[in-house]
PDB file of N, CA and C in Angstrom:
ATOM      1  N   MET A   1      28.139  -4.601 -13.399  1.00  0.00           N
ATOM      2  CA  MET A   1      27.164  -3.674 -13.948  1.00  0.00           C
ATOM      3  C   MET A   1      25.929  -4.471 -14.354  1.00  0.00           C
ATOM      4  N   SER A   2      24.758  -3.947 -14.040  1.00  0.00           N
ATOM      5  CA  SER A   2      23.522  -4.665 -14.329  1.00  0.00           C
ATOM      6  C   SER A   2      23.130  -4.536 -15.799  1.00  0.00           C
ATOM      7  N   ALA A   3      22.225  -5.413 -16.218  1.00  0.00           N
ATOM      8  CA  ALA A   3      21.739  -5.372 -17.599  1.00  0.00           C
ATOM      9  C   ALA A   3      21.009  -4.062 -17.870  1.00  0.00           C
ATOM     10  N   ALA A   4      20.305  -3.542 -16.868  1.00  0.00           N
ATOM     11  CA  ALA A   4      19.592  -2.273 -17.047  1.00  0.00           C
ATOM     12  C   ALA A   4      20.564  -1.123 -17.275  1.00  0.00           C
ATOM     13  N   ALA A   5      21.706  -1.164 -16.601  1.00  0.00           N
ATOM     14  CA  ALA A   5      22.691  -0.089 -16.738  1.00  0.00           C
ATOM     15  C   ALA A   5      23.395  -0.132 -18.088  1.00  0.00           C
ATOM     16  N   THR A   6      23.559  -1.320 -18.649  1.00  0.00           N
ATOM     17  CA  THR A   6      24.247  -1.446 -19.931  1.00  0.00           C
ATOM     18  C   THR A   6      23.300  -1.315 -21.114  1.00  0.00           C
ATOM     19  N   GLY A   7      21.986  -1.254 -20.848  1.00  0.00           N
ATOM     20  CA  GLY A   7      21.025  -1.111 -21.928  1.00  0.00           C
ATOM     21  C   GLY A   7      20.626  -2.424 -22.566  1.00  0.00           C
ATOM     22  N   GLU A   8      21.056  -3.542 -22.013  1.00  0.00           N
ATOM     23  CA  GLU A   8      20.678  -4.843 -22.552  1.00  0.00           C
ATOM     24  C   GLU A   8      19.257  -5.176 -22.109  1.00  0.00           C
ATOM     25  N   GLY A   9      18.512  -5.816 -22.989  1.00  0.00           N
ATOM     26  CA  GLY A   9      17.149  -6.210 -22.658  1.00  0.00           C
ATOM     27  C   GLY A   9      17.107  -7.596 -22.045  1.00  0.00           C
ATOM     28  N   ALA A  10      15.935  -8.006 -21.655  1.00  0.00           N
ATOM     29  CA  ALA A  10      15.744  -9.334 -21.085  1.00  0.00           C
ATOM     30  C   ALA A  10      15.842 -10.381 -22.187  1.00  0.00           C
ATOM     31  N   ALA A  11      16.398 -11.527 -21.835  1.00  0.00           N
ATOM     32  CA  ALA A  11      16.525 -12.617 -22.796  1.00  0.00           C
ATOM     33  C   ALA A  11      15.267 -13.473 -22.831  1.00  0.00           C
ATOM     34  N   ALA A  12      14.476 -13.435 -21.739  1.00  0.00           N
ATOM     35  CA  ALA A  12      13.277 -14.259 -21.676  1.00  0.00           C
ATOM     36  C   ALA A  12      12.252 -13.611 -20.761  1.00  0.00           C
ATOM     37  N   LEU A  13      10.997 -13.941 -20.990  1.00  0.00           N
ATOM     38  CA  LEU A  13       9.910 -13.489 -20.140  1.00  0.00           C
ATOM     39  C   LEU A  13       9.113 -14.720 -19.752  1.00  0.00           C
ATOM     40  N   ILE A  14       8.966 -14.956 -18.457  1.00  0.00           N
ATOM     41  CA  ILE A  14       8.223 -16.116 -17.977  1.00  0.00           C
ATOM     42  C   ILE A  14       6.857 -15.646 -17.497  1.00  0.00           C
ATOM     43  N   CYS A  15       5.799 -16.192 -18.090  1.00  0.00           N
ATOM     44  CA  CYS A  15       4.433 -15.855 -17.693  1.00  0.00           C
ATOM     45  C   CYS A  15       3.814 -17.057 -16.995  1.00  0.00           C
ATOM     46  N   ASP A  16       3.199 -16.819 -15.840  1.00  0.00           N
ATOM     47  CA  ASP A  16       2.565 -17.877 -15.059  1.00  0.00           C
ATOM     48  C   ASP A  16       1.069 -17.603 -15.002  1.00  0.00           C
ATOM     49  N   CYS A  17       0.368 -17.926 -16.082  1.00  0.00           N
ATOM     50  CA  CYS A  17      -1.044 -17.578 -16.182  1.00  0.00           C
ATOM     51  C   CYS A  17      -1.964 -18.536 -15.435  1.00  0.00           C
ATOM     52  N   ASP A  18      -1.510 -19.752 -15.163  1.00  0.00           N
ATOM     53  CA  ASP A  18      -2.392 -20.720 -14.518  1.00  0.00           C
ATOM     54  C   ASP A  18      -1.940 -21.113 -13.120  1.00  0.00           C
ATOM     55  N   GLY A  19      -0.983 -20.394 -12.536  1.00  0.00           N
ATOM     56  CA  GLY A  19      -0.575 -20.635 -11.167  1.00  0.00           C
ATOM     57  C   GLY A  19       0.303 -21.850 -10.961  1.00  0.00           C
ATOM     58  N   VAL A  20       1.008 -22.293 -11.984  1.00  0.00           N
ATOM     59  CA  VAL A  20       1.880 -23.457 -11.857  1.00  0.00           C
ATOM     60  C   VAL A  20       3.147 -23.115 -11.075  1.00  0.00           C
ATOM     61  N   LEU A  21       3.726 -21.940 -11.334  1.00  0.00           N
ATOM     62  CA  LEU A  21       4.974 -21.569 -10.662  1.00  0.00           C
ATOM     63  C   LEU A  21       4.734 -21.076  -9.243  1.00  0.00           C
ATOM     64  N   ILE A  22       3.701 -20.282  -9.042  1.00  0.00           N
ATOM     65  CA  ILE A  22       3.316 -19.835  -7.703  1.00  0.00           C
ATOM     66  C   ILE A  22       1.805 -19.901  -7.588  1.00  0.00           C
ATOM     67  N   ASP A  23       1.312 -19.982  -6.363  1.00  0.00           N
ATOM     68  CA  ASP A  23      -0.128 -19.957  -6.141  1.00  0.00           C
ATOM     69  C   ASP A  23      -0.572 -18.508  -6.155  1.00  0.00           C
ATOM     70  N   SER A  24      -0.944 -18.020  -7.317  1.00  0.00           N
ATOM     71  CA  SER A  24      -1.251 -16.602  -7.483  1.00  0.00           C
ATOM     72  C   SER A  24      -2.622 -16.222  -6.931  1.00  0.00           C
ATOM     73  N   GLU A  25      -3.460 -17.186  -6.602  1.00  0.00           N
ATOM     74  CA  GLU A  25      -4.778 -16.868  -6.058  1.00  0.00           C
ATOM     75  C   GLU A  25      -4.658 -16.146  -4.716  1.00  0.00           C
ATOM     76  N   ALA A  26      -3.744 -16.587  -3.863  1.00  0.00           N
ATOM     77  CA  ALA A  26      -3.541 -15.935  -2.560  1.00  0.00           C
ATOM     78  C   ALA A  26      -2.995 -14.521  -2.737  1.00  0.00           C
ATOM     79  N   VAL A  27      -2.104 -14.339  -3.684  1.00  0.00           N
ATOM     80  CA  VAL A  27      -1.544 -13.012  -3.962  1.00  0.00           C
ATOM     81  C   VAL A  27      -2.648 -12.079  -4.453  1.00  0.00           C
ATOM     82  N   ALA A  28      -3.472 -12.558  -5.364  1.00  0.00           N
ATOM     83  CA  ALA A  28      -4.569 -11.748  -5.901  1.00  0.00           C
ATOM     84  C   ALA A  28      -5.577 -11.399  -4.806  1.00  0.00           C
ATOM     85  N   ALA A  29      -5.851 -12.336  -3.905  1.00  0.00           N
ATOM     86  CA  ALA A  29      -6.785 -12.073  -2.811  1.00  0.00           C
ATOM     87  C   ALA A  29      -6.248 -10.991  -1.882  1.00  0.00           C
ATOM     88  N   ASP A  30      -4.949 -11.025  -1.585  1.00  0.00           N
ATOM     89  CA  ASP A  30      -4.345  -9.992  -0.736  1.00  0.00           C
ATOM     90  C   ASP A  30      -4.437  -8.615  -1.381  1.00  0.00           C
ATOM     91  N   VAL A  31      -4.196  -8.546  -2.679  1.00  0.00           N
ATOM     92  CA  VAL A  31      -4.295  -7.269  -3.396  1.00  0.00           C
ATOM     93  C   VAL A  31      -5.736  -6.768  -3.363  1.00  0.00           C
ATOM     94  N   LEU A  32      -6.687  -7.651  -3.584  1.00  0.00           N
ATOM     95  CA  LEU A  32      -8.095  -7.267  -3.560  1.00  0.00           C
ATOM     96  C   LEU A  32      -8.488  -6.726  -2.189  1.00  0.00           C
ATOM     97  N   VAL A  33      -8.069  -7.396  -1.123  1.00  0.00           N
ATOM     98  CA  VAL A  33      -8.388  -6.942   0.232  1.00  0.00           C
ATOM     99  C   VAL A  33      -7.781  -5.569   0.498  1.00  0.00           C
ATOM    100  N   ARG A  34      -6.537  -5.354   0.075  1.00  0.00           N
ATOM    101  CA  ARG A  34      -5.899  -4.035   0.257  1.00  0.00           C
ATOM    102  C   ARG A  34      -6.677  -2.943  -0.471  1.00  0.00           C
ATOM    103  N   GLU A  35      -7.096  -3.227  -1.707  1.00  0.00           N
ATOM    104  CA  GLU A  35      -7.849  -2.240  -2.478  1.00  0.00           C
ATOM    105  C   GLU A  35      -9.207  -1.951  -1.839  1.00  0.00           C
ATOM    106  N   LEU A  36      -9.891  -2.985  -1.371  1.00  0.00           N
ATOM    107  CA  LEU A  36     -11.179  -2.780  -0.714  1.00  0.00           C
ATOM    108  C   LEU A  36     -11.012  -2.004   0.584  1.00  0.00           C
ATOM    109  N   ASP A  37      -9.966  -2.309   1.362  1.00  0.00           N
ATOM    110  CA  ASP A  37      -9.688  -1.568   2.598  1.00  0.00           C
ATOM    111  C   ASP A  37      -9.435  -0.095   2.310  1.00  0.00           C
ATOM    112  N   ALA A  38      -8.759   0.195   1.208  1.00  0.00           N
ATOM    113  CA  ALA A  38      -8.469   1.584   0.858  1.00  0.00           C
ATOM    114  C   ALA A  38      -9.750   2.337   0.483  1.00  0.00           C
ATOM    115  N   ARG A  39     -10.690   1.646  -0.146  1.00  0.00           N
ATOM    116  CA  ARG A  39     -11.921   2.301  -0.589  1.00  0.00           C
ATOM    117  C   ARG A  39     -12.981   2.369   0.512  1.00  0.00           C
ATOM    118  N   TRP A  40     -13.056   1.322   1.337  1.00  0.00           N
ATOM    119  CA  TRP A  40     -14.034   1.252   2.426  1.00  0.00           C
ATOM    120  C   TRP A  40     -13.315   0.854   3.713  1.00  0.00           C
ATOM    121  N   PRO A  41     -12.672   1.815   4.389  1.00  0.00           N
ATOM    122  CA  PRO A  41     -11.842   1.511   5.558  1.00  0.00           C
ATOM    123  C   PRO A  41     -12.597   0.883   6.728  1.00  0.00           C
ATOM    124  N   GLY A  42     -13.885   1.127   6.880  1.00  0.00           N
ATOM    125  CA  GLY A  42     -14.625   0.593   8.021  1.00  0.00           C
ATOM    126  C   GLY A  42     -15.164  -0.809   7.816  1.00  0.00           C
ATOM    127  N   VAL A  43     -15.011  -1.362   6.623  1.00  0.00           N
ATOM    128  CA  VAL A  43     -15.579  -2.673   6.295  1.00  0.00           C
ATOM    129  C   VAL A  43     -14.490  -3.733   6.357  1.00  0.00           C
ATOM    130  N   ASP A  44     -14.803  -4.870   7.027  1.00  0.00           N
ATOM    131  CA  ASP A  44     -13.842  -5.977   7.089  1.00  0.00           C
ATOM    132  C   ASP A  44     -13.931  -6.766   5.783  1.00  0.00           C
ATOM    133  N   ALA A  45     -12.906  -6.686   4.962  1.00  0.00           N
ATOM    134  CA  ALA A  45     -12.913  -7.338   3.647  1.00  0.00           C
ATOM    135  C   ALA A  45     -12.220  -8.696   3.659  1.00  0.00           C
ATOM    136  N   ARG A  46     -11.659  -9.088   4.794  1.00  0.00           N
ATOM    137  CA  ARG A  46     -10.966 -10.387   4.863  1.00  0.00           C
ATOM    138  C   ARG A  46     -11.968 -11.518   4.720  1.00  0.00           C
ATOM    139  N   PRO A  47     -11.598 -12.551   3.955  1.00  0.00           N
ATOM    140  CA  PRO A  47     -12.501 -13.704   3.806  1.00  0.00           C
ATOM    141  C   PRO A  47     -12.623 -14.493   5.098  1.00  0.00           C
TER     142      PRO A  47
END
């Protein structure tokens, strides 16, 4: 049974604000491109 099913909370929260655990800049760029594509479908937003 999972922790969510038993009502237990998380024991820890890991925050990666400076990109040490993952390179979050690439992830953020992909999200930005998706959002721009959704708003302006005819414009090439890829860097």
